[in-house]
C-alpha cells in the first residue's frame, strides 16, 4: 500500500511532501521528489498511532523514546486516513495500535 502524505516537522511544523509505503514488515516515508527513504519503522518500532475525532486527517505515529533521538514521533496528514489506518492495522496485525483522542484535548 502507498499513499501521498504530508509530514510536519516538530519545530515550526513545516510541511514536507512524502509518500507513505507499507510492506509486510515496515512503514516507509519516502521523499515525494526523489523517492529517497526518509524514515523506516518496523511494526515493532511503532508503539501506537493516535488520530483525532475531527476531520483533520492527522496521524501521529508513536515511536519508543529510545528511537526518537532528535526526530520524535511522526506527524502526518493523510487524505485517505481511514484507508491508510485499515492497511496499517491489517498489515501489522495489531488491532489495539490505534488510539483516538478528542480534538480539543
PDB file of N, CA and C in Angstrom:
ATOM      1  N   UNK A   1       0.846  -1.180   0.000  1.00  0.00           N
ATOM      2  CA  UNK A   1       0.000   0.000   0.000  1.00  0.00           C
ATOM      3  C   UNK A   1       0.885   1.234   0.000  1.00  0.00           C
ATOM      4  N   UNK A   2       0.479   2.257  -0.706  1.00  0.00           N
ATOM      5  CA  UNK A   2       1.177   3.540  -0.662  1.00  0.00           C
ATOM      6  C   UNK A   2       0.166   4.668  -0.822  1.00  0.00           C
ATOM      7  N   UNK A   3       0.503   5.811  -0.258  1.00  0.00           N
ATOM      8  CA  UNK A   3      -0.376   6.977  -0.330  1.00  0.00           C
ATOM      9  C   UNK A   3       0.452   8.242  -0.132  1.00  0.00           C
ATOM     10  N   UNK A   4       0.066   9.325  -0.794  1.00  0.00           N
ATOM     11  CA  UNK A   4       0.748  10.598  -0.535  1.00  0.00           C
ATOM     12  C   UNK A   4       0.343  11.131   0.834  1.00  0.00           C
ATOM     13  N   UNK A   5       1.307  11.666   1.559  1.00  0.00           N
ATOM     14  CA  UNK A   5       1.053  12.264   2.872  1.00  0.00           C
ATOM     15  C   UNK A   5       1.876  13.543   2.990  1.00  0.00           C
ATOM     16  N   UNK A   6       1.526  14.336   3.969  1.00  0.00           N
ATOM     17  CA  UNK A   6       2.344  15.487   4.339  1.00  0.00           C
ATOM     18  C   UNK A   6       2.905  15.203   5.717  1.00  0.00           C
ATOM     19  N   UNK A   7       4.212  15.356   5.852  1.00  0.00           N
ATOM     20  CA  UNK A   7       4.869  15.189   7.151  1.00  0.00           C
ATOM     21  C   UNK A   7       5.124  16.582   7.704  1.00  0.00           C
ATOM     22  N   UNK A   8       4.865  16.749   8.988  1.00  0.00           N
ATOM     23  CA  UNK A   8       5.093  18.037   9.631  1.00  0.00           C
ATOM     24  C   UNK A   8       6.311  17.939  10.531  1.00  0.00           C
ATOM     25  N   UNK A   9       7.228  18.907  10.385  1.00  0.00           N
ATOM     26  CA  UNK A   9       8.399  18.971  11.253  1.00  0.00           C
ATOM     27  C   UNK A   9       7.957  19.278  12.677  1.00  0.00           C
ATOM     28  N   UNK A  10       8.727  18.798  13.628  1.00  0.00           N
ATOM     29  CA  UNK A  10       8.408  19.056  15.037  1.00  0.00           C
ATOM     30  C   UNK A  10       8.576  20.523  15.396  1.00  0.00           C
ATOM     31  N   UNK A  11       9.570  21.160  14.849  1.00  0.00           N
ATOM     32  CA  UNK A  11       9.848  22.563  15.158  1.00  0.00           C
ATOM     33  C   UNK A  11       9.389  23.416  13.980  1.00  0.00           C
ATOM     34  N   UNK A  12       8.383  24.212  14.198  1.00  0.00           N
ATOM     35  CA  UNK A  12       7.878  25.082  13.144  1.00  0.00           C
ATOM     36  C   UNK A  12       6.786  24.457  12.297  1.00  0.00           C
ATOM     37  N   UNK A  13       6.594  23.161  12.407  1.00  0.00           N
ATOM     38  CA  UNK A  13       5.550  22.419  11.682  1.00  0.00           C
ATOM     39  C   UNK A  13       5.575  22.671  10.172  1.00  0.00           C
ATOM     40  N   UNK A  14       6.771  22.770   9.619  1.00  0.00           N
ATOM     41  CA  UNK A  14       6.890  22.926   8.173  1.00  0.00           C
ATOM     42  C   UNK A  14       6.399  21.651   7.493  1.00  0.00           C
ATOM     43  N   UNK A  15       5.602  21.819   6.420  1.00  0.00           N
ATOM     44  CA  UNK A  15       5.076  20.668   5.673  1.00  0.00           C
ATOM     45  C   UNK A  15       6.128  20.139   4.711  1.00  0.00           C
ATOM     46  N   UNK A  16       6.180  18.825   4.607  1.00  0.00           N
ATOM     47  CA  UNK A  16       7.060  18.169   3.633  1.00  0.00           C
ATOM     48  C   UNK A  16       6.252  17.094   2.931  1.00  0.00           C
ATOM     49  N   UNK A  17       6.290  17.103   1.618  1.00  0.00           N
ATOM     50  CA  UNK A  17       5.556  16.117   0.825  1.00  0.00           C
ATOM     51  C   UNK A  17       6.283  14.776   0.894  1.00  0.00           C
ATOM     52  N   UNK A  18       5.555  13.740   1.246  1.00  0.00           N
ATOM     53  CA  UNK A  18       6.112  12.396   1.371  1.00  0.00           C
ATOM     54  C   UNK A  18       5.136  11.381   0.799  1.00  0.00           C
ATOM     55  N   UNK A  19       5.639  10.167   0.614  1.00  0.00           N
ATOM     56  CA  UNK A  19       4.799   9.015   0.309  1.00  0.00           C
ATOM     57  C   UNK A  19       4.908   8.048   1.474  1.00  0.00           C
ATOM     58  N   UNK A  20       3.778   7.568   1.933  1.00  0.00           N
ATOM     59  CA  UNK A  20       3.719   6.522   2.943  1.00  0.00           C
ATOM     60  C   UNK A  20       3.658   5.204   2.197  1.00  0.00           C
ATOM     61  N   UNK A  21       4.570   4.298   2.495  1.00  0.00           N
ATOM     62  CA  UNK A  21       4.581   2.984   1.846  1.00  0.00           C
ATOM     63  C   UNK A  21       4.633   1.903   2.918  1.00  0.00           C
ATOM     64  N   UNK A  22       3.790   0.894   2.751  1.00  0.00           N
ATOM     65  CA  UNK A  22       3.750  -0.231   3.689  1.00  0.00           C
ATOM     66  C   UNK A  22       4.250  -1.485   3.007  1.00  0.00           C
ATOM     67  N   UNK A  23       5.073  -2.238   3.715  1.00  0.00           N
ATOM     68  CA  UNK A  23       5.445  -3.576   3.276  1.00  0.00           C
ATOM     69  C   UNK A  23       4.960  -4.536   4.358  1.00  0.00           C
ATOM     70  N   UNK A  24       5.272  -5.794   4.220  1.00  0.00           N
ATOM     71  CA  UNK A  24       4.844  -6.770   5.228  1.00  0.00           C
ATOM     72  C   UNK A  24       5.528  -6.569   6.571  1.00  0.00           C
ATOM     73  N   UNK A  25       6.666  -5.857   6.576  1.00  0.00           N
ATOM     74  CA  UNK A  25       7.423  -5.736   7.821  1.00  0.00           C
ATOM     75  C   UNK A  25       7.677  -4.309   8.295  1.00  0.00           C
ATOM     76  N   UNK A  26       7.410  -3.296   7.461  1.00  0.00           N
ATOM     77  CA  UNK A  26       7.787  -1.939   7.859  1.00  0.00           C
ATOM     78  C   UNK A  26       6.925  -0.872   7.193  1.00  0.00           C
ATOM     79  N   UNK A  27       7.014   0.312   7.792  1.00  0.00           N
ATOM     80  CA  UNK A  27       6.406   1.518   7.238  1.00  0.00           C
ATOM     81  C   UNK A  27       7.548   2.399   6.755  1.00  0.00           C
ATOM     82  N   UNK A  28       7.416   2.917   5.547  1.00  0.00           N
ATOM     83  CA  UNK A  28       8.433   3.793   4.979  1.00  0.00           C
ATOM     84  C   UNK A  28       7.823   5.153   4.678  1.00  0.00           C
ATOM     85  N   UNK A  29       8.607   6.201   4.881  1.00  0.00           N
ATOM     86  CA  UNK A  29       8.261   7.522   4.381  1.00  0.00           C
ATOM     87  C   UNK A  29       9.304   7.878   3.342  1.00  0.00           C
ATOM     88  N   UNK A  30       8.838   8.151   2.135  1.00  0.00           N
ATOM     89  CA  UNK A  30       9.722   8.456   1.020  1.00  0.00           C
ATOM     90  C   UNK A  30       9.563   9.916   0.628  1.00  0.00           C
ATOM     91  N   UNK A  31      10.660  10.550   0.239  1.00  0.00           N
ATOM     92  CA  UNK A  31      10.598  11.916  -0.262  1.00  0.00           C
ATOM     93  C   UNK A  31       9.790  11.925  -1.553  1.00  0.00           C
ATOM     94  N   UNK A  32       8.866  12.847  -1.690  1.00  0.00           N
ATOM     95  CA  UNK A  32       7.994  12.884  -2.866  1.00  0.00           C
ATOM     96  C   UNK A  32       8.746  13.290  -4.129  1.00  0.00           C
ATOM     97  N   UNK A  33       9.876  13.985  -3.986  1.00  0.00           N
ATOM     98  CA  UNK A  33      10.617  14.451  -5.161  1.00  0.00           C
ATOM     99  C   UNK A  33      11.483  13.360  -5.773  1.00  0.00           C
ATOM    100  N   UNK A  34      12.249  12.665  -4.940  1.00  0.00           N
ATOM    101  CA  UNK A  34      13.203  11.696  -5.474  1.00  0.00           C
ATOM    102  C   UNK A  34      12.999  10.276  -4.941  1.00  0.00           C
ATOM    103  N   UNK A  35      11.967  10.079  -4.137  1.00  0.00           N
ATOM    104  CA  UNK A  35      11.619   8.763  -3.564  1.00  0.00           C
ATOM    105  C   UNK A  35      12.715   8.168  -2.686  1.00  0.00           C
ATOM    106  N   UNK A  36      13.591   9.001  -2.138  1.00  0.00           N
ATOM    107  CA  UNK A  36      14.581   8.521  -1.173  1.00  0.00           C
ATOM    108  C   UNK A  36      13.881   8.201   0.139  1.00  0.00           C
ATOM    109  N   UNK A  37      14.373   7.168   0.809  1.00  0.00           N
ATOM    110  CA  UNK A  37      13.800   6.779   2.095  1.00  0.00           C
ATOM    111  C   UNK A  37      14.196   7.810   3.151  1.00  0.00           C
ATOM    112  N   UNK A  38      13.192   8.403   3.791  1.00  0.00           N
ATOM    113  CA  UNK A  38      13.426   9.374   4.855  1.00  0.00           C
ATOM    114  C   UNK A  38      13.255   8.746   6.231  1.00  0.00           C
ATOM    115  N   UNK A  39      12.332   7.805   6.351  1.00  0.00           N
ATOM    116  CA  UNK A  39      12.094   7.091   7.610  1.00  0.00           C
ATOM    117  C   UNK A  39      11.757   5.645   7.289  1.00  0.00           C
ATOM    118  N   UNK A  40      12.237   4.749   8.143  1.00  0.00           N
ATOM    119  CA  UNK A  40      11.845   3.338   8.070  1.00  0.00           C
ATOM    120  C   UNK A  40      11.558   2.887   9.489  1.00  0.00           C
ATOM    121  N   UNK A  41      10.333   2.435   9.706  1.00  0.00           N
ATOM    122  CA  UNK A  41       9.940   1.934  11.019  1.00  0.00           C
ATOM    123  C   UNK A  41       9.370   0.543  10.858  1.00  0.00           C
ATOM    124  N   UNK A  42       9.956  -0.416  11.556  1.00  0.00           N
ATOM    125  CA  UNK A  42       9.331  -1.735  11.561  1.00  0.00           C
ATOM    126  C   UNK A  42       8.062  -1.635  12.398  1.00  0.00           C
ATOM    127  N   UNK A  43       7.160  -2.570  12.224  1.00  0.00           N
ATOM    128  CA  UNK A  43       5.925  -2.532  13.001  1.00  0.00           C
ATOM    129  C   UNK A  43       6.201  -2.699  14.490  1.00  0.00           C
ATOM    130  N   UNK A  44       7.301  -3.357  14.831  1.00  0.00           N
ATOM    131  CA  UNK A  44       7.689  -3.484  16.242  1.00  0.00           C
ATOM    132  C   UNK A  44       8.168  -2.155  16.818  1.00  0.00           C
ATOM    133  N   UNK A  45       8.672  -1.256  15.937  1.00  0.00           N
ATOM    134  CA  UNK A  45       9.137   0.060  16.382  1.00  0.00           C
ATOM    135  C   UNK A  45       7.988   0.996  16.731  1.00  0.00           C
ATOM    136  N   UNK A  46       6.812   0.733  16.202  1.00  0.00           N
ATOM    137  CA  UNK A  46       5.665   1.620  16.399  1.00  0.00           C
ATOM    138  C   UNK A  46       4.945   1.228  17.683  1.00  0.00           C
ATOM    139  N   UNK A  47       4.891   2.169  18.619  1.00  0.00           N
ATOM    140  CA  UNK A  47       4.222   1.882  19.890  1.00  0.00           C
ATOM    141  C   UNK A  47       2.747   2.240  19.852  1.00  0.00           C
ATOM    142  N   UNK A  48       2.344   3.038  18.896  1.00  0.00           N
ATOM    143  CA  UNK A  48       0.942   3.401  18.773  1.00  0.00           C
ATOM    144  C   UNK A  48       0.727   4.406  17.666  1.00  0.00           C
ATOM    145  N   UNK A  49      -0.525   4.568  17.308  1.00  0.00           N
ATOM    146  CA  UNK A  49      -0.925   5.557  16.316  1.00  0.00           C
ATOM    147  C   UNK A  49      -2.093   6.324  16.921  1.00  0.00           C
ATOM    148  N   UNK A  50      -1.965   7.632  16.937  1.00  0.00           N
ATOM    149  CA  UNK A  50      -3.013   8.468  17.503  1.00  0.00           C
ATOM    150  C   UNK A  50      -3.674   9.273  16.398  1.00  0.00           C
ATOM    151  N   UNK A  51      -4.999   9.294  16.407  1.00  0.00           N
ATOM    152  CA  UNK A  51      -5.782  10.127  15.490  1.00  0.00           C
ATOM    153  C   UNK A  51      -6.812  10.878  16.331  1.00  0.00           C
ATOM    154  N   UNK A  52      -7.324  11.974  15.773  1.00  0.00           N
ATOM    155  CA  UNK A  52      -8.329  12.746  16.499  1.00  0.00           C
ATOM    156  C   UNK A  52      -9.717  12.388  15.997  1.00  0.00           C
ATOM    157  N   UNK A  53     -10.710  12.850  16.731  1.00  0.00           N
ATOM    158  CA  UNK A  53     -12.089  12.596  16.339  1.00  0.00           C
ATOM    159  C   UNK A  53     -12.623  13.677  15.399  1.00  0.00           C
ATOM    160  N   UNK A  54     -11.755  14.573  14.940  1.00  0.00           N
ATOM    161  CA  UNK A  54     -12.179  15.605  13.993  1.00  0.00           C
ATOM    162  C   UNK A  54     -11.813  15.178  12.575  1.00  0.00           C
ATOM    163  N   UNK A  55     -12.074  16.036  11.628  1.00  0.00           N
ATOM    164  CA  UNK A  55     -11.796  15.707  10.231  1.00  0.00           C
ATOM    165  C   UNK A  55     -10.490  16.343   9.762  1.00  0.00           C
ATOM    166  N   UNK A  56      -9.464  16.324  10.603  1.00  0.00           N
ATOM    167  CA  UNK A  56      -8.191  16.950  10.261  1.00  0.00           C
ATOM    168  C   UNK A  56      -7.252  16.033   9.488  1.00  0.00           C
ATOM    169  N   UNK A  57      -7.581  14.740   9.397  1.00  0.00           N
ATOM    170  CA  UNK A  57      -6.766  13.752   8.671  1.00  0.00           C
ATOM    171  C   UNK A  57      -5.357  13.600   9.232  1.00  0.00           C
ATOM    172  N   UNK A  58      -5.156  13.938  10.491  1.00  0.00           N
ATOM    173  CA  UNK A  58      -3.830  13.835  11.100  1.00  0.00           C
ATOM    174  C   UNK A  58      -3.620  12.483  11.756  1.00  0.00           C
ATOM    175  N   UNK A  59      -2.392  11.978  11.600  1.00  0.00           N
ATOM    176  CA  UNK A  59      -1.948  10.732  12.218  1.00  0.00           C
ATOM    177  C   UNK A  59      -0.661  11.051  12.968  1.00  0.00           C
ATOM    178  N   UNK A  60      -0.564  10.627  14.214  1.00  0.00           N
ATOM    179  CA  UNK A  60       0.695  10.722  14.946  1.00  0.00           C
ATOM    180  C   UNK A  60       1.180   9.293  15.160  1.00  0.00           C
ATOM    181  N   UNK A  61       2.321   8.981  14.554  1.00  0.00           N
ATOM    182  CA  UNK A  61       2.915   7.652  14.691  1.00  0.00           C
ATOM    183  C   UNK A  61       3.874   7.713  15.872  1.00  0.00           C
ATOM    184  N   UNK A  62       3.547   6.984  16.914  1.00  0.00           N
ATOM    185  CA  UNK A  62       4.333   6.991  18.153  1.00  0.00           C
ATOM    186  C   UNK A  62       5.468   5.977  18.060  1.00  0.00           C
ATOM    187  N   UNK A  63       6.660   6.431  18.442  1.00  0.00           N
ATOM    188  CA  UNK A  63       7.819   5.537  18.446  1.00  0.00           C
ATOM    189  C   UNK A  63       8.433   5.553  19.845  1.00  0.00           C
ATOM    190  N   UNK A  64       9.171   4.493  20.210  1.00  0.00           N
ATOM    191  CA  UNK A  64       9.751   4.432  21.558  1.00  0.00           C
ATOM    192  C   UNK A  64      10.694   5.594  21.832  1.00  0.00           C
ATOM    193  N   UNK A  65      10.769   5.989  23.065  1.00  0.00           N
ATOM    194  CA  UNK A  65      11.624   7.097  23.492  1.00  0.00           C
ATOM    195  C   UNK A  65      13.074   6.881  23.057  1.00  0.00           C
ATOM    196  N   UNK A  66      13.562   5.646  23.106  1.00  0.00           N
ATOM    197  CA  UNK A  66      14.952   5.340  22.733  1.00  0.00           C
ATOM    198  C   UNK A  66      15.228   5.622  21.263  1.00  0.00           C
ATOM    199  N   UNK A  67      14.223   5.446  20.403  1.00  0.00           N
ATOM    200  CA  UNK A  67      14.411   5.616  18.963  1.00  0.00           C
ATOM    201  C   UNK A  67      14.228   7.056  18.510  1.00  0.00           C
ATOM    202  N   UNK A  68      13.777   7.922  19.383  1.00  0.00           N
ATOM    203  CA  UNK A  68      13.438   9.282  18.966  1.00  0.00           C
ATOM    204  C   UNK A  68      14.667  10.121  18.659  1.00  0.00           C
ATOM    205  N   UNK A  69      15.700  10.013  19.478  1.00  0.00           N
ATOM    206  CA  UNK A  69      16.906  10.823  19.327  1.00  0.00           C
ATOM    207  C   UNK A  69      16.500  12.269  19.077  1.00  0.00           C
ATOM    208  N   UNK A  70      16.757  12.774  17.869  1.00  0.00           N
ATOM    209  CA  UNK A  70      16.397  14.165  17.589  1.00  0.00           C
ATOM    210  C   UNK A  70      15.162  14.275  16.700  1.00  0.00           C
ATOM    211  N   UNK A  71      14.518  13.144  16.379  1.00  0.00           N
ATOM    212  CA  UNK A  71      13.402  13.201  15.433  1.00  0.00           C
ATOM    213  C   UNK A  71      12.039  13.200  16.104  1.00  0.00           C
ATOM    214  N   UNK A  72      11.774  12.310  16.988  1.00  0.00           N
ATOM    215  CA  UNK A  72      10.489  12.269  17.666  1.00  0.00           C
ATOM    216  C   UNK A  72       9.418  11.538  16.881  1.00  0.00           C
ATOM    217  N   UNK A  73       8.195  11.605  17.410  1.00  0.00           N
ATOM    218  CA  UNK A  73       7.056  10.970  16.756  1.00  0.00           C
ATOM    219  C   UNK A  73       6.812  11.614  15.394  1.00  0.00           C
ATOM    220  N   UNK A  74       6.209  10.852  14.495  1.00  0.00           N
ATOM    221  CA  UNK A  74       5.909  11.368  13.161  1.00  0.00           C
ATOM    222  C   UNK A  74       4.506  11.958  13.137  1.00  0.00           C
ATOM    223  N   UNK A  75       4.389  13.176  12.644  1.00  0.00           N
ATOM    224  CA  UNK A  75       3.092  13.833  12.484  1.00  0.00           C
ATOM    225  C   UNK A  75       2.799  13.882  10.992  1.00  0.00           C
ATOM    226  N   UNK A  76       1.728  13.199  10.595  1.00  0.00           N
ATOM    227  CA  UNK A  76       1.391  13.078   9.177  1.00  0.00           C
ATOM    228  C   UNK A  76      -0.039  13.525   8.919  1.00  0.00           C
ATOM    229  N   UNK A  77      -0.262  14.070   7.738  1.00  0.00           N
ATOM    230  CA  UNK A  77      -1.617  14.339   7.259  1.00  0.00           C
ATOM    231  C   UNK A  77      -1.853  13.433   6.064  1.00  0.00           C
ATOM    232  N   UNK A  78      -2.918  12.663   6.123  1.00  0.00           N
ATOM    233  CA  UNK A  78      -3.213  11.687   5.072  1.00  0.00           C
ATOM    234  C   UNK A  78      -4.646  11.889   4.597  1.00  0.00           C
ATOM    235  N   UNK A  79      -4.802  12.190   3.305  1.00  0.00           N
ATOM    236  CA  UNK A  79      -6.147  12.409   2.757  1.00  0.00           C
ATOM    237  C   UNK A  79      -7.011  11.168   2.868  1.00  0.00           C
ATOM    238  N   UNK A  80      -6.411  10.000   2.751  1.00  0.00           N
ATOM    239  CA  UNK A  80      -7.134   8.724   2.829  1.00  0.00           C
ATOM    240  C   UNK A  80      -6.908   8.091   4.198  1.00  0.00           C
ATOM    241  N   UNK A  81      -7.272   8.810   5.236  1.00  0.00           N
ATOM    242  CA  UNK A  81      -6.960   8.412   6.606  1.00  0.00           C
ATOM    243  C   UNK A  81      -7.485   7.026   6.961  1.00  0.00           C
ATOM    244  N   UNK A  82      -8.764   6.781   6.742  1.00  0.00           N
ATOM    245  CA  UNK A  82      -9.367   5.501   7.126  1.00  0.00           C
ATOM    246  C   UNK A  82      -8.734   4.354   6.344  1.00  0.00           C
ATOM    247  N   UNK A  83      -8.517   4.555   5.060  1.00  0.00           N
ATOM    248  CA  UNK A  83      -7.884   3.522   4.232  1.00  0.00           C
ATOM    249  C   UNK A  83      -6.473   3.220   4.734  1.00  0.00           C
ATOM    250  N   UNK A  84      -5.692   4.261   5.011  1.00  0.00           N
ATOM    251  CA  UNK A  84      -4.319   4.065   5.489  1.00  0.00           C
ATOM    252  C   UNK A  84      -4.301   3.345   6.837  1.00  0.00           C
ATOM    253  N   UNK A  85      -5.178   3.752   7.750  1.00  0.00           N
ATOM    254  CA  UNK A  85      -5.240   3.098   9.063  1.00  0.00           C
ATOM    255  C   UNK A  85      -5.645   1.637   8.944  1.00  0.00           C
ATOM    256  N   UNK A  86      -6.593   1.354   8.056  1.00  0.00           N
ATOM    257  CA  UNK A  86      -7.023  -0.034   7.835  1.00  0.00           C
ATOM    258  C   UNK A  86      -5.863  -0.881   7.333  1.00  0.00           C
ATOM    259  N   UNK A  87      -5.112  -0.367   6.375  1.00  0.00           N
ATOM    260  CA  UNK A  87      -3.959  -1.107   5.850  1.00  0.00           C
ATOM    261  C   UNK A  87      -2.902  -1.330   6.930  1.00  0.00           C
ATOM    262  N   UNK A  88      -2.636  -0.305   7.726  1.00  0.00           N
ATOM    263  CA  UNK A  88      -1.624  -0.441   8.782  1.00  0.00           C
ATOM    264  C   UNK A  88      -2.044  -1.502   9.790  1.00  0.00           C
ATOM    265  N   UNK A  89      -3.283  -1.424  10.264  1.00  0.00           N
ATOM    266  CA  UNK A  89      -3.772  -2.394  11.258  1.00  0.00           C
ATOM    267  C   UNK A  89      -3.754  -3.807  10.687  1.00  0.00           C
ATOM    268  N   UNK A  90      -4.227  -3.976   9.460  1.00  0.00           N
ATOM    269  CA  UNK A  90      -4.250  -5.309   8.849  1.00  0.00           C
ATOM    270  C   UNK A  90      -2.844  -5.850   8.600  1.00  0.00           C
ATOM    271  N   UNK A  91      -1.933  -4.979   8.180  1.00  0.00           N
ATOM    272  CA  UNK A  91      -0.580  -5.428   7.851  1.00  0.00           C
ATOM    273  C   UNK A  91       0.228  -5.767   9.098  1.00  0.00           C
ATOM    274  N   UNK A  92       0.136  -4.936  10.130  1.00  0.00           N
ATOM    275  CA  UNK A  92       0.933  -5.195  11.337  1.00  0.00           C
ATOM    276  C   UNK A  92       0.242  -6.158  12.293  1.00  0.00           C
ATOM    277  N   UNK A  93      -1.041  -6.422  12.052  1.00  0.00           N
ATOM    278  CA  UNK A  93      -1.813  -7.378  12.854  1.00  0.00           C
ATOM    279  C   UNK A  93      -1.860  -6.982  14.336  1.00  0.00           C
ATOM    280  N   UNK A  94      -1.951  -5.675  14.576  1.00  0.00           N
ATOM    281  CA  UNK A  94      -2.092  -5.151  15.939  1.00  0.00           C
ATOM    282  C   UNK A  94      -3.397  -4.370  15.998  1.00  0.00           C
ATOM    283  N   UNK A  95      -4.437  -5.000  16.461  1.00  0.00           N
ATOM    284  CA  UNK A  95      -5.764  -4.376  16.478  1.00  0.00           C
ATOM    285  C   UNK A  95      -5.863  -3.207  17.457  1.00  0.00           C
ATOM    286  N   UNK A  96      -5.028  -3.200  18.482  1.00  0.00           N
ATOM    287  CA  UNK A  96      -5.122  -2.156  19.502  1.00  0.00           C
ATOM    288  C   UNK A  96      -4.089  -1.043  19.325  1.00  0.00           C
ATOM    289  N   UNK A  97      -3.502  -0.935  18.152  1.00  0.00           N
ATOM    290  CA  UNK A  97      -2.442   0.041  17.918  1.00  0.00           C
ATOM    291  C   UNK A  97      -2.976   1.472  17.803  1.00  0.00           C
ATOM    292  N   UNK A  98      -4.241   1.638  17.427  1.00  0.00           N
ATOM    293  CA  UNK A  98      -4.807   2.966  17.193  1.00  0.00           C
ATOM    294  C   UNK A  98      -5.501   3.482  18.445  1.00  0.00           C
ATOM    295  N   UNK A  99      -5.207   4.744  18.755  1.00  0.00           N
ATOM    296  CA  UNK A  99      -5.853   5.412  19.882  1.00  0.00           C
ATOM    297  C   UNK A  99      -6.514   6.691  19.367  1.00  0.00           C
ATOM    298  N   UNK A 100      -7.755   6.899  19.739  1.00  0.00           N
ATOM    299  CA  UNK A 100      -8.499   8.082  19.326  1.00  0.00           C
ATOM    300  C   UNK A 100      -8.474   9.114  20.451  1.00  0.00           C
ATOM    301  N   UNK A 101      -8.170  10.357  20.076  1.00  0.00           N
ATOM    302  CA  UNK A 101      -8.128  11.458  21.036  1.00  0.00           C
ATOM    303  C   UNK A 101      -9.148  12.508  20.627  1.00  0.00           C
ATOM    304  N   UNK A 102      -9.649  13.224  21.591  1.00  0.00           N
ATOM    305  CA  UNK A 102     -10.531  14.348  21.304  1.00  0.00           C
ATOM    306  C   UNK A 102      -9.703  15.472  20.699  1.00  0.00           C
ATOM    307  N   UNK A 103     -10.227  16.123  19.686  1.00  0.00           N
ATOM    308  CA  UNK A 103      -9.503  17.210  19.030  1.00  0.00           C
ATOM    309  C   UNK A 103      -9.315  18.402  19.960  1.00  0.00           C
ATOM    310  N   UNK A 104     -10.085  18.471  21.015  1.00  0.00           N
ATOM    311  CA  UNK A 104      -9.985  19.597  21.943  1.00  0.00           C
ATOM    312  C   UNK A 104      -9.049  19.332  23.109  1.00  0.00           C
ATOM    313  N   UNK A 105      -8.501  18.116  23.223  1.00  0.00           N
ATOM    314  CA  UNK A 105      -7.623  17.822  24.368  1.00  0.00           C
ATOM    315  C   UNK A 105      -6.180  18.100  24.063  1.00  0.00           C
TER     316      UNK A 105
END
